[in-house]
């Protein structure tokens, strides 16, 4: 049997990976360029720093509803 080598199409820079944390008691439906994402109260998501370029996300971070962790 042939040995299968992983075929990675991209590798993220570890400095570009962040944790986005919902600091509220509310659930958010985030409208992202790739589609909708539900971020429940108190939960976090691993994502790329470029998510902060989305105006709605940036506003929630500046208001303190979302944090970086």
C-alpha atoms as a PDB file:
ATOM      1  CA  UNK A   1       0.000   0.000   0.000  1.00  0.00           C
ATOM      2  CA  UNK A   2       1.288   3.483  -0.864  1.00  0.00           C
ATOM      3  CA  UNK A   3       2.197   5.840   1.948  1.00  0.00           C
ATOM      4  CA  UNK A   4      -0.185   8.809   2.030  1.00  0.00           C
ATOM      5  CA  UNK A   5       1.474  12.189   2.560  1.00  0.00           C
ATOM      6  CA  UNK A   6      -0.730  14.996   3.950  1.00  0.00           C
ATOM      7  CA  UNK A   7      -1.546  17.599   1.337  1.00  0.00           C
ATOM      8  CA  UNK A   8      -1.827  20.868   3.249  1.00  0.00           C
ATOM      9  CA  UNK A   9      -3.153  23.684   1.120  1.00  0.00           C
ATOM     10  CA  UNK A  10      -2.269  26.428   3.581  1.00  0.00           C
ATOM     11  CA  UNK A  11      -0.609  26.947   6.937  1.00  0.00           C
ATOM     12  CA  UNK A  12      -1.665  29.795   9.180  1.00  0.00           C
ATOM     13  CA  UNK A  13       0.871  31.921  10.952  1.00  0.00           C
ATOM     14  CA  UNK A  14       0.445  31.172  14.682  1.00  0.00           C
ATOM     15  CA  UNK A  15       0.530  34.920  15.394  1.00  0.00           C
ATOM     16  CA  UNK A  16      -2.569  35.347  13.210  1.00  0.00           C
ATOM     17  CA  UNK A  17      -4.667  32.876  15.230  1.00  0.00           C
ATOM     18  CA  UNK A  18      -6.791  34.358  18.032  1.00  0.00           C
ATOM     19  CA  UNK A  19      -9.578  33.274  20.358  1.00  0.00           C
ATOM     20  CA  UNK A  20     -12.702  35.426  20.087  1.00  0.00           C
ATOM     21  CA  UNK A  21     -14.646  35.241  23.369  1.00  0.00           C
ATOM     22  CA  UNK A  22     -18.305  36.144  23.935  1.00  0.00           C
ATOM     23  CA  UNK A  23     -18.202  37.958  27.298  1.00  0.00           C
ATOM     24  CA  UNK A  24     -21.947  38.524  27.525  1.00  0.00           C
ATOM     25  CA  UNK A  25     -24.988  36.479  28.504  1.00  0.00           C
ATOM     26  CA  UNK A  26     -26.350  36.875  24.968  1.00  0.00           C
ATOM     27  CA  UNK A  27     -25.939  34.623  21.941  1.00  0.00           C
ATOM     28  CA  UNK A  28     -24.620  36.339  18.814  1.00  0.00           C
ATOM     29  CA  UNK A  29     -25.218  35.469  15.175  1.00  0.00           C
ATOM     30  CA  UNK A  30     -22.122  36.862  13.489  1.00  0.00           C
ATOM     31  CA  UNK A  31     -22.488  37.821   9.834  1.00  0.00           C
ATOM     32  CA  UNK A  32     -19.112  36.927   8.361  1.00  0.00           C
ATOM     33  CA  UNK A  33     -17.956  37.019   4.733  1.00  0.00           C
ATOM     34  CA  UNK A  34     -17.982  33.201   4.779  1.00  0.00           C
ATOM     35  CA  UNK A  35     -21.509  32.987   6.209  1.00  0.00           C
ATOM     36  CA  UNK A  36     -23.283  33.128   9.554  1.00  0.00           C
ATOM     37  CA  UNK A  37     -21.654  31.867  12.746  1.00  0.00           C
ATOM     38  CA  UNK A  38     -23.424  31.480  16.088  1.00  0.00           C
ATOM     39  CA  UNK A  39     -21.306  32.394  19.101  1.00  0.00           C
ATOM     40  CA  UNK A  40     -23.175  31.450  22.271  1.00  0.00           C
ATOM     41  CA  UNK A  41     -22.935  33.292  25.578  1.00  0.00           C
ATOM     42  CA  UNK A  42     -19.662  32.624  27.355  1.00  0.00           C
ATOM     43  CA  UNK A  43     -18.261  30.578  24.451  1.00  0.00           C
ATOM     44  CA  UNK A  44     -15.215  31.220  22.321  1.00  0.00           C
ATOM     45  CA  UNK A  45     -14.075  30.516  18.800  1.00  0.00           C
ATOM     46  CA  UNK A  46     -10.625  29.971  17.326  1.00  0.00           C
ATOM     47  CA  UNK A  47     -10.232  32.134  14.268  1.00  0.00           C
ATOM     48  CA  UNK A  48      -7.861  34.314  12.294  1.00  0.00           C
ATOM     49  CA  UNK A  49      -7.042  37.863  13.359  1.00  0.00           C
ATOM     50  CA  UNK A  50      -8.450  39.108  10.040  1.00  0.00           C
ATOM     51  CA  UNK A  51     -11.960  38.662  11.520  1.00  0.00           C
ATOM     52  CA  UNK A  52     -11.324  42.012  13.212  1.00  0.00           C
ATOM     53  CA  UNK A  53     -11.502  43.611   9.758  1.00  0.00           C
ATOM     54  CA  UNK A  54     -15.274  42.926   9.757  1.00  0.00           C
ATOM     55  CA  UNK A  55     -16.857  46.191  11.018  1.00  0.00           C
ATOM     56  CA  UNK A  56     -19.567  44.486  13.114  1.00  0.00           C
ATOM     57  CA  UNK A  57     -16.989  42.281  14.857  1.00  0.00           C
ATOM     58  CA  UNK A  58     -14.667  45.213  15.473  1.00  0.00           C
ATOM     59  CA  UNK A  59     -17.588  47.175  17.003  1.00  0.00           C
ATOM     60  CA  UNK A  60     -18.486  44.303  19.363  1.00  0.00           C
ATOM     61  CA  UNK A  61     -14.845  44.058  20.471  1.00  0.00           C
ATOM     62  CA  UNK A  62     -14.601  47.821  21.050  1.00  0.00           C
ATOM     63  CA  UNK A  63     -17.856  47.739  23.077  1.00  0.00           C
ATOM     64  CA  UNK A  64     -16.470  44.920  25.213  1.00  0.00           C
ATOM     65  CA  UNK A  65     -19.092  42.343  24.209  1.00  0.00           C
ATOM     66  CA  UNK A  66     -16.430  40.243  22.493  1.00  0.00           C
ATOM     67  CA  UNK A  67     -12.906  39.863  23.763  1.00  0.00           C
ATOM     68  CA  UNK A  68      -9.654  38.402  22.576  1.00  0.00           C
ATOM     69  CA  UNK A  69      -8.378  35.534  24.626  1.00  0.00           C
END
